[in-house]
Protein backbone atom coordinates (compact mmCIF):
# COMPACT_ATOMS: atom_id res chain seq x y z
CA MET A 1 10.20 33.42 -21.26
CA LYS A 2 8.40 33.76 -18.01
CA LYS A 3 8.93 29.99 -17.91
CA ILE A 4 12.51 29.60 -18.73
CA CYS A 5 13.31 32.45 -15.84
CA LEU A 6 11.56 30.38 -13.23
CA MET A 7 13.08 26.81 -14.23
CA LEU A 8 16.44 28.62 -13.83
CA LEU A 9 15.61 29.97 -10.64
CA GLY A 10 14.67 26.70 -9.58
CA VAL A 11 18.29 25.33 -10.53
CA THR A 12 20.20 28.60 -9.04
CA MET A 13 18.12 27.74 -5.63
CA LEU A 14 19.45 24.01 -6.11
CA VAL A 15 22.88 25.13 -6.26
CA ALA A 16 22.87 27.94 -3.81
CA CYS A 17 21.41 24.93 -1.20
CA GLY A 18 24.62 23.02 -2.39
CA ARG A 19 21.81 19.73 -2.86
CA ASN A 20 21.62 17.92 -5.44
CA LYS A 21 18.37 17.13 -7.19
CA ASN A 22 18.11 13.86 -5.19
CA GLU A 23 19.19 15.28 -1.67
CA GLN A 24 16.16 17.90 -2.19
CA MET A 25 13.54 15.15 -2.89
CA LEU A 26 14.98 14.10 0.73
CA TYR A 27 14.96 17.65 2.48
CA ASP A 28 11.73 18.18 0.88
CA TYR A 29 9.90 15.08 2.28
CA GLN A 30 11.95 15.97 5.52
CA GLN A 31 10.32 18.84 5.53
CA LYS A 32 6.62 17.98 4.96
CA ASN A 33 7.14 15.31 7.57
CA VAL A 34 8.77 17.88 10.74
CA SER A 35 6.30 20.70 9.48
CA SER A 36 3.16 18.92 10.29
CA LEU A 37 4.70 18.82 14.12
CA ASN A 38 5.22 22.47 13.55
CA PHE A 39 9.23 22.33 13.28
CA ASP A 40 11.60 22.98 10.78
CA LEU A 41 14.90 21.37 9.25
CA GLU A 42 16.66 24.40 9.30
CA ASP A 43 16.08 24.51 13.10
CA LEU A 44 17.25 20.38 13.61
CA ASP A 45 20.39 20.82 12.27
CA PHE A 46 19.35 18.52 9.48
CA LYS A 47 22.54 16.76 7.96
CA ILE A 48 22.23 14.73 4.34
CA GLN A 49 25.29 11.92 4.25
CA GLU A 50 24.36 10.12 1.60
CA VAL A 51 21.45 9.47 -1.01
CA GLU A 52 21.82 6.55 -3.48
CA LYS A 53 19.56 5.36 -6.30
CA LEU A 54 18.90 1.63 -5.95
CA ALA A 55 17.07 0.75 -8.68
CA ASP A 56 13.87 1.62 -11.09
CA ILE A 57 10.96 0.13 -10.50
CA THR A 58 9.13 -1.27 -13.50
CA GLY A 59 5.65 -2.25 -14.57
CA LEU A 60 6.67 -5.55 -14.79
CA ASP A 61 8.08 -5.48 -11.06
CA SER A 62 4.33 -3.89 -10.04
CA MET A 63 3.13 -7.09 -11.75
CA LYS A 64 4.78 -9.49 -10.23
CA HIS A 65 4.45 -8.04 -6.52
CA LEU A 66 0.30 -8.00 -7.61
CA LYS A 67 0.59 -11.76 -8.38
CA PHE A 68 2.29 -12.03 -4.51
CA GLU A 69 -0.98 -10.70 -3.29
CA LEU A 70 -3.31 -12.57 -5.01
CA ALA A 71 -1.09 -15.52 -3.88
CA GLU A 72 -0.98 -14.44 -0.62
CA PHE A 73 -4.94 -13.78 0.05
CA TRP A 74 -5.07 -17.62 -1.18
CA VAL A 75 -2.41 -18.85 1.10
CA LYS A 76 0.39 -17.85 3.42
CA ASN A 77 3.51 -17.40 2.61
CA PRO A 78 3.00 -18.75 -1.30
CA GLU A 79 5.49 -20.63 -3.26
CA GLN A 80 6.86 -19.66 -6.35
CA SER A 81 5.25 -22.32 -8.33
CA LEU A 82 1.55 -21.13 -6.81
CA ILE A 83 2.66 -17.13 -7.72
CA ASP A 84 3.05 -18.33 -11.61
CA THR A 85 0.08 -20.17 -11.55
CA LEU A 86 -2.51 -18.95 -9.45
CA SER A 87 -4.57 -16.77 -11.75
CA PHE A 88 -7.55 -14.34 -11.00
CA GLN A 89 -10.36 -15.86 -12.84
CA HIS A 90 -9.82 -18.57 -10.47
CA VAL A 91 -9.60 -17.27 -7.37
CA LYS A 92 -12.86 -14.92 -8.65
CA ASN A 93 -14.78 -18.39 -9.70
CA VAL A 94 -14.33 -19.48 -6.36
CA LEU A 95 -15.30 -16.37 -4.25
CA ASN A 96 -18.72 -16.25 -6.78
CA GLU A 97 -18.99 -19.89 -6.10
CA SER A 98 -18.87 -19.13 -1.82
CA ILE A 99 -21.14 -15.97 -2.42
CA ILE A 100 -23.88 -18.20 -4.20
CA LEU A 101 -23.46 -20.91 -1.68
CA GLN A 102 -23.67 -18.23 1.30
CA ASP A 103 -26.69 -16.08 -0.07
CA THR A 104 -28.15 -19.88 -0.31
CA LEU A 105 -28.00 -20.21 3.24
CA GLN A 106 -29.01 -17.09 4.10
CA ASN A 107 -32.33 -18.34 2.51
CA LEU A 108 -32.81 -21.46 4.17
CA TYR A 109 -32.07 -19.79 7.52
CA GLN A 110 -34.65 -17.38 6.92
CA GLU A 111 -37.20 -19.74 5.80
CA ALA A 112 -36.13 -21.17 9.24
CA VAL A 113 -36.43 -18.15 11.26
CA LEU A 114 -40.44 -17.73 9.95
CA SER A 115 -41.36 -21.75 10.06
CA ALA A 116 -39.75 -21.31 14.05
CA ILE A 117 -42.24 -18.56 14.42
CA LYS A 118 -45.62 -19.74 12.72
CA ARG A 119 -44.42 -23.16 15.37
CA ASP A 120 -43.84 -20.25 18.16
CA ASP A 121 -40.43 -22.18 19.08
CA TYR A 122 -38.31 -19.30 20.33
CA SER A 123 -34.76 -21.70 20.68
CA TYR A 124 -35.21 -22.65 17.22
CA GLU A 125 -36.13 -19.38 15.88
CA MET A 126 -33.07 -17.83 17.42
CA GLU A 127 -30.91 -20.49 16.42
CA SER A 128 -31.62 -19.90 12.88
CA LYS A 129 -31.42 -16.21 13.45
CA ARG A 130 -27.86 -16.35 14.39
CA ASN A 131 -27.18 -19.31 11.62
CA ARG A 132 -28.74 -16.61 9.08
CA ASP A 133 -26.86 -13.71 10.35
CA LYS A 134 -23.45 -15.66 9.88
CA ALA A 135 -24.09 -16.35 6.70
CA ILE A 136 -24.81 -12.86 5.77
CA ASP A 137 -21.47 -11.85 7.52
CA GLN A 138 -20.10 -14.41 5.35
CA LYS A 139 -21.50 -13.69 1.90
CA LEU A 140 -20.19 -9.78 2.72
CA LEU A 141 -16.80 -11.06 3.74
CA TYR A 142 -16.67 -12.60 0.46
CA ARG A 143 -18.06 -9.91 -1.94
CA LYS A 144 -15.25 -7.34 -0.03
CA SER A 145 -12.68 -9.94 -1.00
CA LEU A 146 -13.62 -10.10 -4.80
CA SER A 147 -14.23 -6.51 -4.98
CA THR A 148 -10.08 -6.65 -3.75
CA ILE A 149 -9.14 -9.18 -6.12
CA GLU A 150 -10.86 -7.54 -8.95
CA LYS A 151 -8.79 -4.35 -7.77
CA ILE A 152 -5.88 -5.99 -8.01
CA GLU A 153 -6.60 -7.56 -11.24
CA SER A 154 -7.62 -4.14 -12.95
CA ARG A 155 -4.24 -2.33 -11.76
CA TYR A 156 -2.45 -5.97 -13.65
CA ASN A 157 -3.82 -5.44 -16.49
CA GLU A 158 -3.29 -2.00 -16.48
CA LEU A 159 -0.04 -2.43 -15.95
CA SER A 160 0.40 -5.79 -18.94
CA LYS A 161 -0.11 -2.93 -21.56
CA ASN A 162 3.33 -1.12 -20.57
CA PRO A 163 5.17 -3.56 -18.35
CA GLU A 164 8.53 -1.75 -18.84
CA ILE A 165 7.36 1.80 -17.59
CA ILE A 166 9.40 3.03 -14.82
CA LEU A 167 6.75 3.74 -12.01
CA SER A 168 9.11 4.71 -9.33
CA THR A 169 12.92 4.96 -8.42
CA LYS A 170 14.45 3.03 -4.94
CA TYR A 171 16.50 5.16 -2.83
CA LYS A 172 18.91 4.58 -0.07
CA ALA A 173 19.20 7.49 2.18
CA SER A 174 20.80 8.42 4.81
CA TYR A 175 20.98 11.12 7.29
CA SER A 176 21.23 13.20 10.79
CA LEU A 177 19.01 15.45 12.83
CA ARG A 178 18.31 16.67 16.25
CA ASN A 179 15.16 15.64 17.56
CA PRO A 180 13.00 17.97 19.87
CA MET A 181 10.97 15.21 20.74
CA LEU A 182 14.34 13.64 22.91
CA GLY A 183 15.84 16.83 24.35
CA ASN A 184 16.85 17.54 20.93
CA ALA A 185 19.09 14.47 21.12
CA LYS A 186 21.24 13.78 17.81
CA GLN A 187 19.63 11.00 15.97
CA SER A 188 20.79 9.20 12.59
CA PHE A 189 18.40 7.17 9.57
CA ASN A 190 19.01 5.01 7.29
CA LYS A 191 16.23 4.33 4.65
CA ILE A 192 14.54 3.53 1.67
CA TYR A 193 12.76 5.86 -0.39
CA TYR A 194 10.49 5.58 -3.35
CA THR A 195 10.03 8.47 -5.63
CA ASN A 196 6.39 9.29 -7.55
CA ILE A 197 6.15 8.22 -11.43
CA ASP A 198 7.07 11.63 -12.22
CA HIS A 199 10.53 11.03 -10.16
CA THR A 200 10.18 14.34 -8.60
CA GLU A 201 9.67 13.87 -5.32
CA PHE A 202 9.94 11.27 -2.59
CA ILE A 203 6.42 9.86 -1.85
CA LYS A 204 7.08 6.65 0.59
CA GLU A 205 9.42 5.18 2.84
CA GLU A 206 10.94 2.59 4.52
CA THR A 207 13.12 1.46 7.47
CA LEU A 208 16.07 -0.52 7.19
CA GLU A 209 15.82 -2.64 10.18
CA GLY A 210 18.69 -1.99 12.62
CA LYS A 211 20.11 0.79 10.98
CA GLU A 212 18.40 3.42 12.91
CA ASN A 213 20.09 4.75 16.33
């Protein structure tokens, strides 16, 4: 009974504010933003012009994006054919081979350092140390890249179990407010927003280019 009363109270408050669910999500999101600056939307003449649903973002959509990330890791501005055919396993194999190569070079250069020390060849010792350190740095870079690819692959595999799941909903919203940082000048904004998986709040925004003033 208590839970039902709380739910009814929540609905009543939304109606009283004159906002639908989507508008309330926008209001709450922007309130969090201005609260971090010690402001309140009620004092900024905040007005919502429109909150329009554009599309649902499914697991399959995210899988396509993850494959693009994989291909983009391989080459800038990848062709669709590469996105479709490049496999996680191939990229991991190449990275593992690169790690092994750098590990071998590191050991060879370390041996060269020890040899130079025995011969009291300072110049060759320093050169070998530089090459050894480069191999170490390169190996660490490849390992970091491998870890990134493995995380992308793990997420891809998880989504593949239920590609039709709706992960987020995309909205386009327009609103205006007075900006206290600009002498309370009135500003209008047009942005893209994404909800959480429960579709209860906005968690991310994107600015539409050329759509703010």
